[in-house]
Amino acid sequence: MTTAAEIREVAAALPRTEEKLVRDRVTFRVGRIVYVTISADETSMGFAFPKEERAAIIAAEPDKFHMPRPSDERYNWVRAWLAALDHAEMEELVVDAWRMVVPKRVAAAYLAEVR
C-alpha cells in the first residue's frame, strides 16, 4: 500500500516540482501543468498518462487503475487506488508522469543523476 506521504516524498525530489492545494486535493505540478494529484480522502492518485494507452492499463488491472473524473477524460490522465500500489510502482508512475511535463533535457539530467 502506498501513502500520500510517500507520494509527496517522491514528487518533492523531482526538479521544478511545486506542491499546491487545489479544492482539497494535493497537486504536484511543473509550472501550470499538473502531473499528479492525491484525492482529498487520500485513497487515490491521479497521474499524467498517455491517453492512447489508458484503456489498456485499466483493462489489464481494473482493481488498481480507473478512469479519471468525466471532466478530466479529455486529458492524458488515469487514476489509481493507493491501497493497490506498492512503493516501486507508485514511484515509477510519478516519475513517468513528471517526465511527460518537463523538458526532455531536465528529465534526462535527473535520470542520469539518480542512476
Protein backbone atom coordinates (compact mmCIF):
# COMPACT_ATOMS: atom_id res chain seq x y z
CA MET A 1 0.00 0.00 0.00
CA THR A 2 1.19 3.48 -0.87
CA THR A 3 0.53 6.56 1.25
CA ALA A 4 0.15 10.23 0.41
CA ALA A 5 3.33 10.93 2.38
CA GLU A 6 5.30 8.55 0.15
CA ILE A 7 3.94 10.23 -2.99
CA ARG A 8 4.85 13.63 -1.57
CA GLU A 9 8.40 12.43 -0.86
CA VAL A 10 8.91 11.12 -4.40
CA ALA A 11 7.37 14.16 -6.10
CA ALA A 12 9.22 16.69 -3.92
CA ALA A 13 12.54 15.23 -5.08
CA LEU A 14 11.75 15.88 -8.76
CA PRO A 15 13.20 19.07 -10.26
CA ARG A 16 10.85 22.01 -10.87
CA THR A 17 8.03 20.40 -8.87
CA GLU A 18 5.70 22.57 -6.81
CA GLU A 19 3.06 21.29 -4.40
CA LYS A 20 -0.28 23.14 -4.28
CA LEU A 21 -3.61 22.51 -2.59
CA VAL A 22 -6.49 22.88 -5.06
CA ARG A 23 -10.07 22.16 -3.99
CA ASP A 24 -8.95 19.95 -1.09
CA ARG A 25 -6.64 17.94 -3.37
CA VAL A 26 -2.89 17.96 -3.15
CA THR A 27 -1.43 18.57 -6.58
CA PHE A 28 2.11 18.34 -7.88
CA ARG A 29 2.95 20.45 -10.89
CA VAL A 30 5.65 21.87 -13.05
CA GLY A 31 4.69 25.43 -13.87
CA ARG A 32 0.96 25.34 -14.57
CA ILE A 33 0.86 21.68 -15.64
CA VAL A 34 -0.32 19.21 -13.01
CA TYR A 35 1.20 15.74 -13.24
CA VAL A 36 -0.04 14.08 -10.01
CA THR A 37 -2.94 14.65 -7.64
CA ILE A 38 -3.94 12.97 -4.42
CA SER A 39 -7.65 12.74 -3.63
CA ALA A 40 -8.96 14.64 -0.61
CA ASP A 41 -9.57 11.36 1.25
CA GLU A 42 -6.08 10.09 0.24
CA THR A 43 -7.44 6.87 -1.27
CA SER A 44 -6.50 7.51 -4.89
CA MET A 45 -3.91 9.23 -7.04
CA GLY A 46 -4.43 10.79 -10.44
CA PHE A 47 -1.43 10.97 -12.72
CA ALA A 48 -0.41 12.01 -16.22
CA PHE A 49 -0.54 9.04 -18.55
CA PRO A 50 -0.79 8.76 -22.34
CA LYS A 51 -4.47 8.90 -23.29
CA GLU A 52 -3.93 6.34 -26.07
CA GLU A 53 -2.76 3.75 -23.52
CA ARG A 54 -5.37 4.50 -20.83
CA ALA A 55 -7.91 1.83 -21.82
CA ALA A 56 -5.22 -0.86 -21.91
CA ILE A 57 -3.82 -0.16 -18.43
CA ILE A 58 -7.30 -0.02 -16.91
CA ALA A 59 -8.39 -3.23 -18.67
CA ALA A 60 -5.21 -5.02 -17.59
CA GLU A 61 -5.61 -4.15 -13.89
CA PRO A 62 -9.13 -2.84 -13.18
CA ASP A 63 -8.73 -3.34 -9.42
CA LYS A 64 -5.76 -0.97 -9.46
CA PHE A 65 -6.47 1.64 -12.16
CA HIS A 66 -9.63 3.52 -13.08
CA MET A 67 -10.85 6.29 -15.33
CA PRO A 68 -10.46 9.91 -14.29
CA ARG A 69 -13.49 12.05 -13.49
CA PRO A 70 -15.56 12.72 -16.61
CA SER A 71 -14.33 16.33 -16.68
CA ASP A 72 -10.71 15.05 -16.85
CA GLU A 73 -11.20 12.39 -19.53
CA ARG A 74 -10.06 14.78 -22.26
CA TYR A 75 -6.62 14.97 -20.63
CA ASN A 76 -3.73 12.48 -20.52
CA TRP A 77 -4.86 11.18 -17.13
CA VAL A 78 -5.53 7.94 -15.18
CA ARG A 79 -6.34 7.27 -11.53
CA ALA A 80 -5.04 4.51 -9.23
CA TRP A 81 -6.14 3.21 -5.84
CA LEU A 82 -3.32 3.80 -3.35
CA ALA A 83 -4.12 0.59 -1.47
CA ALA A 84 -3.36 -1.39 -4.64
CA LEU A 85 0.02 0.24 -5.42
CA ASP A 86 3.33 -0.80 -3.94
CA HIS A 87 6.04 1.80 -3.44
CA ALA A 88 8.12 0.88 -6.50
CA GLU A 89 5.13 1.01 -8.83
CA MET A 90 3.96 4.34 -7.40
CA GLU A 91 7.44 5.80 -7.80
CA GLU A 92 7.58 4.67 -11.44
CA LEU A 93 4.14 6.17 -12.17
CA VAL A 94 5.01 9.50 -10.51
CA VAL A 95 8.39 9.83 -12.27
CA ASP A 96 6.88 8.87 -15.65
CA ALA A 97 4.07 11.41 -15.16
CA TRP A 98 6.64 14.09 -14.27
CA ARG A 99 8.66 13.21 -17.38
CA MET A 100 5.59 13.99 -19.50
CA VAL A 101 5.57 17.63 -18.34
CA VAL A 102 9.22 18.68 -18.06
CA PRO A 103 11.61 19.46 -20.90
CA LYS A 104 13.43 16.35 -22.12
CA ARG A 105 16.80 17.72 -21.09
CA VAL A 106 15.59 18.21 -17.49
CA ALA A 107 14.29 14.64 -17.35
CA ALA A 108 17.49 13.27 -18.90
CA ALA A 109 19.69 15.16 -16.43
CA TYR A 110 17.65 13.94 -13.46
CA LEU A 111 17.62 10.33 -14.64
CA ALA A 112 21.38 10.39 -15.30
CA GLU A 113 21.93 11.70 -11.76
CA VAL A 114 19.81 9.06 -9.98
CA ARG A 115 21.23 6.07 -11.86
